[in-house]
PDB file of all heavy atoms in Angstrom:
ATOM      1  N   GLU A   1     120.208 298.335-125.356  1.00  0.00           N
ATOM      2  CA  GLU A   1     119.123 299.215-124.726  1.00  0.00           C
ATOM      3  C   GLU A   1     119.367 300.608-125.169  1.00  0.00           C
ATOM      4  O   GLU A   1     118.393 301.341-125.256  1.00  0.00           O
ATOM      5  CB  GLU A   1     119.224 299.097-123.262  1.00  0.00           C
ATOM      6  CG  GLU A   1     118.715 297.729-122.698  1.00  0.00           C
ATOM      7  CD  GLU A   1     118.772 297.660-121.203  1.00  0.00           C
ATOM      8  OE1 GLU A   1     119.466 298.502-120.485  1.00  0.00           O
ATOM      9  OE2 GLU A   1     118.288 296.585-120.705  1.00  0.00           O
ATOM     10  N   GLU A   2     120.579 301.068-125.318  1.00  0.00           N
ATOM     11  CA  GLU A   2     120.842 302.454-125.762  1.00  0.00           C
ATOM     12  C   GLU A   2     120.581 302.805-127.184  1.00  0.00           C
ATOM     13  O   GLU A   2     120.376 303.861-127.624  1.00  0.00           O
ATOM     14  CB  GLU A   2     122.336 302.748-125.394  1.00  0.00           C
ATOM     15  CG  GLU A   2     122.675 302.820-123.913  1.00  0.00           C
ATOM     16  CD  GLU A   2     124.117 303.086-123.609  1.00  0.00           C
ATOM     17  OE1 GLU A   2     124.960 303.116-124.603  1.00  0.00           O
ATOM     18  OE2 GLU A   2     124.416 303.124-122.476  1.00  0.00           O
ATOM     19  N   ASN A   3     120.721 301.761-128.116  1.00  0.00           N
ATOM     20  CA  ASN A   3     120.620 301.845-129.495  1.00  0.00           C
ATOM     21  C   ASN A   3     119.491 301.361-130.286  1.00  0.00           C
ATOM     22  O   ASN A   3     119.242 301.813-131.325  1.00  0.00           O
ATOM     23  CB  ASN A   3     121.993 301.441-130.124  1.00  0.00           C
ATOM     24  CG  ASN A   3     123.159 302.255-129.779  1.00  0.00           C
ATOM     25  OD1 ASN A   3     123.413 303.341-130.329  1.00  0.00           O
ATOM     26  ND2 ASN A   3     123.944 301.781-128.835  1.00  0.00           N
ATOM     27  N   LEU A   4     118.837 300.304-129.717  1.00  0.00           N
ATOM     28  CA  LEU A   4     117.781 299.676-130.464  1.00  0.00           C
ATOM     29  C   LEU A   4     116.370 299.825-129.747  1.00  0.00           C
ATOM     30  O   LEU A   4     116.346 300.031-128.544  1.00  0.00           O
ATOM     31  CB  LEU A   4     118.134 298.118-130.596  1.00  0.00           C
ATOM     32  CG  LEU A   4     119.510 297.846-131.243  1.00  0.00           C
ATOM     33  CD1 LEU A   4     119.748 296.392-131.321  1.00  0.00           C
ATOM     34  CD2 LEU A   4     119.560 298.522-132.658  1.00  0.00           C
ATOM     35  N   ILE A   5     115.373 299.691-130.635  1.00  0.00           N
ATOM     36  CA  ILE A   5     114.080 299.707-130.161  1.00  0.00           C
ATOM     37  C   ILE A   5     113.243 298.454-130.353  1.00  0.00           C
ATOM     38  O   ILE A   5     113.638 297.600-131.114  1.00  0.00           O
ATOM     39  CB  ILE A   5     113.251 300.893-130.873  1.00  0.00           C
ATOM     40  CG1 ILE A   5     113.275 300.628-132.357  1.00  0.00           C
ATOM     41  CG2 ILE A   5     113.824 302.242-130.571  1.00  0.00           C
ATOM     42  CD1 ILE A   5     112.116 301.328-133.196  1.00  0.00           C
ATOM     43  N   VAL A   6     112.156 298.340-129.560  1.00  0.00           N
ATOM     44  CA  VAL A   6     111.196 297.234-129.817  1.00  0.00           C
ATOM     45  C   VAL A   6     110.597 297.545-131.077  1.00  0.00           C
ATOM     46  O   VAL A   6     110.099 298.637-131.432  1.00  0.00           O
ATOM     47  CB  VAL A   6     110.146 297.260-128.649  1.00  0.00           C
ATOM     48  CG1 VAL A   6     109.100 296.222-129.007  1.00  0.00           C
ATOM     49  CG2 VAL A   6     110.788 297.054-127.359  1.00  0.00           C
ATOM     50  N   PRO A   7     110.584 296.573-132.097  1.00  0.00           N
ATOM     51  CA  PRO A   7     110.203 296.782-133.481  1.00  0.00           C
ATOM     52  C   PRO A   7     108.662 296.787-133.613  1.00  0.00           C
ATOM     53  O   PRO A   7     108.183 297.548-134.602  1.00  0.00           O
ATOM     54  CB  PRO A   7     110.828 295.608-134.262  1.00  0.00           C
ATOM     55  CG  PRO A   7     110.995 294.557-133.284  1.00  0.00           C
ATOM     56  CD  PRO A   7     111.272 295.229-131.974  1.00  0.00           C
ATOM     57  N   ASP A   8     107.855 296.136-132.870  1.00  0.00           N
ATOM     58  CA  ASP A   8     106.456 296.141-133.021  1.00  0.00           C
ATOM     59  C   ASP A   8     105.767 295.698-131.725  1.00  0.00           C
ATOM     60  O   ASP A   8     106.342 295.471-130.755  1.00  0.00           O
ATOM     61  CB  ASP A   8     105.984 295.248-134.182  1.00  0.00           C
ATOM     62  CG  ASP A   8     106.472 293.733-133.959  1.00  0.00           C
ATOM     63  OD1 ASP A   8     106.724 293.438-132.898  1.00  0.00           O
ATOM     64  OD2 ASP A   8     106.474 293.078-134.962  1.00  0.00           O
ATOM     65  N   GLY A   9     104.429 295.798-131.759  1.00  0.00           N
ATOM     66  CA  GLY A   9     103.655 295.385-130.621  1.00  0.00           C
ATOM     67  C   GLY A   9     103.345 296.591-129.700  1.00  0.00           C
ATOM     68  O   GLY A   9     103.600 297.692-130.158  1.00  0.00           O
ATOM     69  N   PRO A  10     102.762 296.364-128.582  1.00  0.00           N
ATOM     70  CA  PRO A  10     102.266 297.393-127.632  1.00  0.00           C
ATOM     71  C   PRO A  10     103.351 298.264-127.233  1.00  0.00           C
ATOM     72  O   PRO A  10     103.103 299.445-126.869  1.00  0.00           O
ATOM     73  CB  PRO A  10     101.589 296.608-126.494  1.00  0.00           C
ATOM     74  CG  PRO A  10     101.867 295.222-126.666  1.00  0.00           C
ATOM     75  CD  PRO A  10     102.420 295.004-128.022  1.00  0.00           C
ATOM     76  N   THR A  11     104.558 297.787-127.112  1.00  0.00           N
ATOM     77  CA  THR A  11     105.736 298.743-126.720  1.00  0.00           C
ATOM     78  C   THR A  11     106.615 299.126-127.920  1.00  0.00           C
ATOM     79  O   THR A  11     107.815 299.574-127.632  1.00  0.00           O
ATOM     80  CB  THR A  11     106.536 297.915-125.549  1.00  0.00           C
ATOM     81  OG1 THR A  11     107.029 296.652-126.092  1.00  0.00           O
ATOM     82  CG2 THR A  11     105.717 297.668-124.366  1.00  0.00           C
ATOM     83  N   ALA A  12     106.087 299.094-129.046  1.00  0.00           N
ATOM     84  CA  ALA A  12     106.926 299.460-130.236  1.00  0.00           C
ATOM     85  C   ALA A  12     107.449 300.837-130.081  1.00  0.00           C
ATOM     86  O   ALA A  12     106.781 301.838-129.534  1.00  0.00           O
ATOM     87  CB  ALA A  12     106.057 299.472-131.450  1.00  0.00           C
ATOM     88  N   GLY A  13     108.723 300.995-130.279  1.00  0.00           N
ATOM     89  CA  GLY A  13     109.469 302.295-130.185  1.00  0.00           C
ATOM     90  C   GLY A  13     110.153 302.409-128.837  1.00  0.00           C
ATOM     91  O   GLY A  13     111.018 303.329-128.744  1.00  0.00           O
ATOM     92  N   ASP A  14     109.828 301.694-127.830  1.00  0.00           N
ATOM     93  CA  ASP A  14     110.513 301.701-126.553  1.00  0.00           C
ATOM     94  C   ASP A  14     111.969 301.061-126.767  1.00  0.00           C
ATOM     95  O   ASP A  14     112.223 300.318-127.664  1.00  0.00           O
ATOM     96  CB  ASP A  14     109.823 300.867-125.553  1.00  0.00           C
ATOM     97  CG  ASP A  14     108.489 301.645-124.964  1.00  0.00           C
ATOM     98  OD1 ASP A  14     108.226 302.760-125.381  1.00  0.00           O
ATOM     99  OD2 ASP A  14     107.883 300.921-124.167  1.00  0.00           O
ATOM    100  N   PRO A  15     112.908 301.369-125.897  1.00  0.00           N
ATOM    101  CA  PRO A  15     114.199 300.784-125.872  1.00  0.00           C
ATOM    102  C   PRO A  15     113.976 299.280-125.765  1.00  0.00           C
ATOM    103  O   PRO A  15     113.193 298.764-125.111  1.00  0.00           O
ATOM    104  CB  PRO A  15     114.958 301.269-124.584  1.00  0.00           C
ATOM    105  CG  PRO A  15     114.244 302.624-124.419  1.00  0.00           C
ATOM    106  CD  PRO A  15     112.760 302.488-124.829  1.00  0.00           C
ATOM    107  N   LEU A  16     114.929 298.597-126.497  1.00  0.00           N
ATOM    108  CA  LEU A  16     114.877 297.092-126.513  1.00  0.00           C
ATOM    109  C   LEU A  16     115.515 296.644-125.333  1.00  0.00           C
ATOM    110  O   LEU A  16     116.720 296.676-125.022  1.00  0.00           O
ATOM    111  CB  LEU A  16     115.575 296.565-127.787  1.00  0.00           C
ATOM    112  CG  LEU A  16     115.593 295.020-127.863  1.00  0.00           C
ATOM    113  CD1 LEU A  16     114.140 294.505-128.142  1.00  0.00           C
ATOM    114  CD2 LEU A  16     116.496 294.562-129.049  1.00  0.00           C
ATOM    115  N   THR A  17     114.775 296.123-124.409  1.00  0.00           N
ATOM    116  CA  THR A  17     115.167 295.573-123.108  1.00  0.00           C
ATOM    117  C   THR A  17     114.881 293.972-123.126  1.00  0.00           C
ATOM    118  O   THR A  17     113.795 293.642-123.706  1.00  0.00           O
ATOM    119  CB  THR A  17     114.692 296.146-121.878  1.00  0.00           C
ATOM    120  OG1 THR A  17     113.139 296.054-121.874  1.00  0.00           O
ATOM    121  CG2 THR A  17     115.021 297.632-121.803  1.00  0.00           C
ATOM    122  N   PHE A  18     115.738 293.245-122.611  1.00  0.00           N
ATOM    123  CA  PHE A  18     115.468 291.778-122.526  1.00  0.00           C
ATOM    124  C   PHE A  18     114.876 291.372-121.244  1.00  0.00           C
ATOM    125  O   PHE A  18     115.117 291.884-120.128  1.00  0.00           O
ATOM    126  CB  PHE A  18     116.835 290.993-122.699  1.00  0.00           C
ATOM    127  CG  PHE A  18     117.507 291.466-124.091  1.00  0.00           C
ATOM    128  CD1 PHE A  18     118.855 291.635-124.093  1.00  0.00           C
ATOM    129  CD2 PHE A  18     116.792 291.440-125.264  1.00  0.00           C
ATOM    130  CE1 PHE A  18     119.452 291.993-125.333  1.00  0.00           C
ATOM    131  CE2 PHE A  18     117.397 291.645-126.480  1.00  0.00           C
ATOM    132  CZ  PHE A  18     118.742 291.949-126.421  1.00  0.00           C
ATOM    133  N   THR A  19     114.091 290.296-121.321  1.00  0.00           N
ATOM    134  CA  THR A  19     113.607 289.660-120.060  1.00  0.00           C
ATOM    135  C   THR A  19     114.830 288.959-119.386  1.00  0.00           C
ATOM    136  O   THR A  19     115.849 288.893-119.995  1.00  0.00           O
ATOM    137  CB  THR A  19     112.597 288.529-120.461  1.00  0.00           C
ATOM    138  OG1 THR A  19     113.267 287.423-121.195  1.00  0.00           O
ATOM    139  CG2 THR A  19     111.428 289.002-121.301  1.00  0.00           C
ATOM    140  N   GLU A  20     114.623 288.506-118.173  1.00  0.00           N
ATOM    141  CA  GLU A  20     115.705 287.840-117.484  1.00  0.00           C
ATOM    142  C   GLU A  20     116.183 286.632-118.227  1.00  0.00           C
ATOM    143  O   GLU A  20     117.502 286.487-118.292  1.00  0.00           O
ATOM    144  CB  GLU A  20     115.184 287.470-116.010  1.00  0.00           C
ATOM    145  CG  GLU A  20     116.322 286.947-115.150  1.00  0.00           C
ATOM    146  CD  GLU A  20     115.899 286.586-113.784  1.00  0.00           C
ATOM    147  OE1 GLU A  20     114.978 287.213-113.334  1.00  0.00           O
ATOM    148  OE2 GLU A  20     116.540 285.676-113.175  1.00  0.00           O
ATOM    149  N   GLU A  21     115.323 285.839-118.771  1.00  0.00           N
ATOM    150  CA  GLU A  21     115.760 284.680-119.514  1.00  0.00           C
ATOM    151  C   GLU A  21     116.520 284.987-120.825  1.00  0.00           C
ATOM    152  O   GLU A  21     117.491 284.417-121.088  1.00  0.00           O
ATOM    153  CB  GLU A  21     114.594 283.792-119.829  1.00  0.00           C
ATOM    154  CG  GLU A  21     114.989 282.508-120.454  1.00  0.00           C
ATOM    155  CD  GLU A  21     113.776 281.524-120.788  1.00  0.00           C
ATOM    156  OE1 GLU A  21     112.631 281.919-120.790  1.00  0.00           O
ATOM    157  OE2 GLU A  21     114.073 280.319-121.075  1.00  0.00           O
ATOM    158  N   GLN A  22     116.022 286.026-121.474  1.00  0.00           N
ATOM    159  CA  GLN A  22     116.742 286.532-122.734  1.00  0.00           C
ATOM    160  C   GLN A  22     118.091 287.043-122.314  1.00  0.00           C
ATOM    161  O   GLN A  22     119.125 286.784-122.999  1.00  0.00           O
ATOM    162  CB  GLN A  22     115.900 287.523-123.394  1.00  0.00           C
ATOM    163  CG  GLN A  22     114.630 286.991-124.039  1.00  0.00           C
ATOM    164  CD  GLN A  22     113.787 288.160-124.474  1.00  0.00           C
ATOM    165  OE1 GLN A  22     113.799 289.313-123.968  1.00  0.00           O
ATOM    166  NE2 GLN A  22     112.835 287.818-125.533  1.00  0.00           N
ATOM    167  N   ALA A  23     118.187 287.836-121.206  1.00  0.00           N
ATOM    168  CA  ALA A  23     119.472 288.333-120.828  1.00  0.00           C
ATOM    169  C   ALA A  23     120.394 287.205-120.424  1.00  0.00           C
ATOM    170  O   ALA A  23     121.638 287.281-120.774  1.00  0.00           O
ATOM    171  CB  ALA A  23     119.278 289.329-119.726  1.00  0.00           C
ATOM    172  N   GLN A  24     119.928 286.191-119.749  1.00  0.00           N
ATOM    173  CA  GLN A  24     120.798 285.068-119.527  1.00  0.00           C
ATOM    174  C   GLN A  24     121.444 284.333-120.730  1.00  0.00           C
ATOM    175  O   GLN A  24     122.585 283.929-120.711  1.00  0.00           O
ATOM    176  CB  GLN A  24     120.012 283.937-118.705  1.00  0.00           C
ATOM    177  CG  GLN A  24     119.848 284.272-117.221  1.00  0.00           C
ATOM    178  CD  GLN A  24     121.134 284.458-116.471  1.00  0.00           C
ATOM    179  OE1 GLN A  24     121.485 285.462-115.769  1.00  0.00           O
ATOM    180  NE2 GLN A  24     122.073 283.488-116.617  1.00  0.00           N
ATOM    181  N   PHE A  25     120.582 284.265-121.808  1.00  0.00           N
ATOM    182  CA  PHE A  25     120.983 283.692-123.055  1.00  0.00           C
ATOM    183  C   PHE A  25     122.225 284.647-123.656  1.00  0.00           C
ATOM    184  O   PHE A  25     123.227 284.093-124.047  1.00  0.00           O
ATOM    185  CB  PHE A  25     119.931 283.647-124.056  1.00  0.00           C
ATOM    186  CG  PHE A  25     120.266 283.155-125.386  1.00  0.00           C
ATOM    187  CD1 PHE A  25     120.477 281.785-125.631  1.00  0.00           C
ATOM    188  CD2 PHE A  25     120.582 284.119-126.451  1.00  0.00           C
ATOM    189  CE1 PHE A  25     120.908 281.359-126.962  1.00  0.00           C
ATOM    190  CE2 PHE A  25     121.089 283.693-127.704  1.00  0.00           C
ATOM    191  CZ  PHE A  25     121.194 282.288-127.940  1.00  0.00           C
ATOM    192  N   VAL A  26     121.971 285.892-123.618  1.00  0.00           N
ATOM    193  CA  VAL A  26     123.041 286.902-124.077  1.00  0.00           C
ATOM    194  C   VAL A  26     124.227 286.761-123.201  1.00  0.00           C
ATOM    195  O   VAL A  26     125.390 286.728-123.779  1.00  0.00           O
ATOM    196  CB  VAL A  26     122.497 288.318-124.057  1.00  0.00           C
ATOM    197  CG1 VAL A  26     123.559 289.334-124.460  1.00  0.00           C
ATOM    198  CG2 VAL A  26     121.361 288.361-125.074  1.00  0.00           C
ATOM    199  N   LEU A  27     124.162 286.725-121.998  1.00  0.00           N
ATOM    200  CA  LEU A  27     125.277 286.548-121.116  1.00  0.00           C
ATOM    201  C   LEU A  27     126.079 285.347-121.341  1.00  0.00           C
ATOM    202  O   LEU A  27     127.405 285.275-121.414  1.00  0.00           O
ATOM    203  CB  LEU A  27     124.946 286.656-119.635  1.00  0.00           C
ATOM    204  CG  LEU A  27     124.340 288.007-119.197  1.00  0.00           C
ATOM    205  CD1 LEU A  27     123.801 287.859-117.685  1.00  0.00           C
ATOM    206  CD2 LEU A  27     125.328 289.131-119.294  1.00  0.00           C
ATOM    207  N   GLY A  28     125.415 284.265-121.471  1.00  0.00           N
ATOM    208  CA  GLY A  28     126.063 282.940-121.808  1.00  0.00           C
ATOM    209  C   GLY A  28     126.666 282.956-123.252  1.00  0.00           C
ATOM    210  O   GLY A  28     127.761 282.490-123.490  1.00  0.00           O
ATOM    211  N   LEU A  29     126.010 283.498-124.208  1.00  0.00           N
ATOM    212  CA  LEU A  29     126.451 283.631-125.617  1.00  0.00           C
ATOM    213  C   LEU A  29     127.829 284.361-125.690  1.00  0.00           C
ATOM    214  O   LEU A  29     128.730 283.999-126.466  1.00  0.00           O
ATOM    215  CB  LEU A  29     125.503 284.236-126.503  1.00  0.00           C
ATOM    216  CG  LEU A  29     125.800 284.350-128.039  1.00  0.00           C
ATOM    217  CD1 LEU A  29     125.994 283.012-128.632  1.00  0.00           C
ATOM    218  CD2 LEU A  29     124.748 285.216-128.748  1.00  0.00           C
ATOM    219  N   TYR A  30     127.976 285.398-124.890  1.00  0.00           N
ATOM    220  CA  TYR A  30     129.155 286.208-124.944  1.00  0.00           C
ATOM    221  C   TYR A  30     130.163 285.838-123.801  1.00  0.00           C
ATOM    222  O   TYR A  30     131.026 286.799-123.494  1.00  0.00           O
ATOM    223  CB  TYR A  30     128.763 287.721-124.919  1.00  0.00           C
ATOM    224  CG  TYR A  30     128.152 288.103-126.251  1.00  0.00           C
ATOM    225  CD1 TYR A  30     126.749 288.194-126.434  1.00  0.00           C
ATOM    226  CD2 TYR A  30     129.017 288.401-127.322  1.00  0.00           C
ATOM    227  CE1 TYR A  30     126.182 288.545-127.699  1.00  0.00           C
ATOM    228  CE2 TYR A  30     128.444 288.758-128.642  1.00  0.00           C
ATOM    229  CZ  TYR A  30     127.056 288.809-128.700  1.00  0.00           C
ATOM    230  OH  TYR A  30     126.587 289.080-129.978  1.00  0.00           O
ATOM    231  N   GLU A  31     130.112 284.735-123.233  1.00  0.00           N
ATOM    232  CA  GLU A  31     131.089 284.264-122.224  1.00  0.00           C
ATOM    233  C   GLU A  31     132.519 284.289-122.867  1.00  0.00           C
ATOM    234  O   GLU A  31     132.639 283.911-123.981  1.00  0.00           O
ATOM    235  CB  GLU A  31     130.756 282.876-121.759  1.00  0.00           C
ATOM    236  CG  GLU A  31     131.640 282.418-120.672  1.00  0.00           C
ATOM    237  CD  GLU A  31     131.279 281.005-120.207  1.00  0.00           C
ATOM    238  OE1 GLU A  31     130.242 280.440-120.619  1.00  0.00           O
ATOM    239  OE2 GLU A  31     132.107 280.505-119.374  1.00  0.00           O
ATOM    240  N   VAL A  32     133.423 284.689-122.167  1.00  0.00           N
ATOM    241  CA  VAL A  32     134.802 284.857-122.532  1.00  0.00           C
ATOM    242  C   VAL A  32     135.803 283.970-121.787  1.00  0.00           C
ATOM    243  O   VAL A  32     135.588 283.668-120.590  1.00  0.00           O
ATOM    244  CB  VAL A  32     135.326 286.289-122.640  1.00  0.00           C
ATOM    245  CG1 VAL A  32     134.552 287.035-123.724  1.00  0.00           C
ATOM    246  CG2 VAL A  32     135.295 287.030-121.314  1.00  0.00           C
ATOM    247  N   ASP A  33     136.914 283.687-122.349  1.00  0.00           N
ATOM    248  CA  ASP A  33     137.931 282.945-121.611  1.00  0.00           C
ATOM    249  C   ASP A  33     138.579 283.719-120.559  1.00  0.00           C
ATOM    250  O   ASP A  33     139.203 284.802-120.892  1.00  0.00           O
ATOM    251  CB  ASP A  33     138.990 282.538-122.732  1.00  0.00           C
ATOM    252  CG  ASP A  33     140.135 281.604-122.095  1.00  0.00           C
ATOM    253  OD1 ASP A  33     140.141 281.453-120.901  1.00  0.00           O
ATOM    254  OD2 ASP A  33     140.910 281.164-122.951  1.00  0.00           O
ATOM    255  N   PRO A  34     138.557 283.374-119.379  1.00  0.00           N
ATOM    256  CA  PRO A  34     139.213 284.214-118.279  1.00  0.00           C
ATOM    257  C   PRO A  34     140.714 284.288-118.382  1.00  0.00           C
ATOM    258  O   PRO A  34     141.320 285.076-117.752  1.00  0.00           O
ATOM    259  CB  PRO A  34     138.669 283.518-116.975  1.00  0.00           C
ATOM    260  CG  PRO A  34     138.321 282.120-117.379  1.00  0.00           C
ATOM    261  CD  PRO A  34     137.929 282.131-118.781  1.00  0.00           C
ATOM    262  N   TYR A  35     141.349 283.333-119.199  1.00  0.00           N
ATOM    263  CA  TYR A  35     142.737 283.374-119.355  1.00  0.00           C
ATOM    264  C   TYR A  35     143.246 283.926-120.626  1.00  0.00           C
ATOM    265  O   TYR A  35     144.438 283.938-120.992  1.00  0.00           O
ATOM    266  CB  TYR A  35     143.193 281.847-119.213  1.00  0.00           C
ATOM    267  CG  TYR A  35     142.837 281.213-117.978  1.00  0.00           C
ATOM    268  CD1 TYR A  35     141.888 280.305-117.942  1.00  0.00           C
ATOM    269  CD2 TYR A  35     143.522 281.537-116.774  1.00  0.00           C
ATOM    270  CE1 TYR A  35     141.510 279.685-116.719  1.00  0.00           C
ATOM    271  CE2 TYR A  35     143.131 280.942-115.553  1.00  0.00           C
ATOM    272  CZ  TYR A  35     142.141 279.965-115.467  1.00  0.00           C
ATOM    273  OH  TYR A  35     141.777 279.418-114.365  1.00  0.00           O
ATOM    274  N   PHE A  36     142.338 284.568-121.346  1.00  0.00           N
ATOM    275  CA  PHE A  36     142.657 285.268-122.616  1.00  0.00           C
ATOM    276  C   PHE A  36     143.719 286.330-122.306  1.00  0.00           C
ATOM    277  O   PHE A  36     143.610 287.046-121.326  1.00  0.00           O
ATOM    278  CB  PHE A  36     141.387 285.935-123.261  1.00  0.00           C
ATOM    279  CG  PHE A  36     141.677 286.764-124.412  1.00  0.00           C
ATOM    280  CD1 PHE A  36     141.717 286.125-125.642  1.00  0.00           C
ATOM    281  CD2 PHE A  36     141.777 288.141-124.302  1.00  0.00           C
ATOM    282  CE1 PHE A  36     141.998 286.946-126.766  1.00  0.00           C
ATOM    283  CE2 PHE A  36     141.932 288.965-125.468  1.00  0.00           C
ATOM    284  CZ  PHE A  36     142.111 288.364-126.611  1.00  0.00           C
ATOM    285  N   VAL A  37     144.684 286.416-123.193  1.00  0.00           N
ATOM    286  CA  VAL A  37     145.644 287.564-123.076  1.00  0.00           C
ATOM    287  C   VAL A  37     145.507 288.328-124.408  1.00  0.00           C
ATOM    288  O   VAL A  37     145.674 287.800-125.464  1.00  0.00           O
ATOM    289  CB  VAL A  37     147.080 286.939-123.025  1.00  0.00           C
ATOM    290  CG1 VAL A  37     148.143 288.110-122.955  1.00  0.00           C
ATOM    291  CG2 VAL A  37     147.214 286.064-121.766  1.00  0.00           C
ATOM    292  N   GLY A  38     145.023 289.588-124.184  1.00  0.00           N
ATOM    293  CA  GLY A  38     144.941 290.415-125.357  1.00  0.00           C
ATOM    294  C   GLY A  38     146.143 290.916-126.047  1.00  0.00           C
ATOM    295  O   GLY A  38     147.280 290.463-125.678  1.00  0.00           O
ATOM    296  N   PRO A  39     146.073 291.619-127.159  1.00  0.00           N
ATOM    297  CA  PRO A  39     144.861 292.136-127.804  1.00  0.00           C
ATOM    298  C   PRO A  39     144.262 291.032-128.778  1.00  0.00           C
ATOM    299  O   PRO A  39     144.841 290.053-128.991  1.00  0.00           O
ATOM    300  CB  PRO A  39     145.356 293.330-128.577  1.00  0.00           C
ATOM    301  CG  PRO A  39     146.836 293.084-128.925  1.00  0.00           C
ATOM    302  CD  PRO A  39     147.271 292.237-127.693  1.00  0.00           C
ATOM    303  N   ALA A  40     143.099 291.354-129.326  1.00  0.00           N
ATOM    304  CA  ALA A  40     142.442 290.497-130.129  1.00  0.00           C
ATOM    305  C   ALA A  40     143.172 290.420-131.486  1.00  0.00           C
ATOM    306  O   ALA A  40     143.149 289.291-132.160  1.00  0.00           O
ATOM    307  CB  ALA A  40     140.930 290.922-130.366  1.00  0.00           C
TER     308      ALA A  40
END
């Protein structure tokens, strides 16, 4: 949201924000192991 824009359409140029379903996909895609011990 801070760095990218909507590339085309009626809201072209606005910050790229996701719908609830899109955000759910992103949250699931970036799920992490709760037992991970860093660093990477």
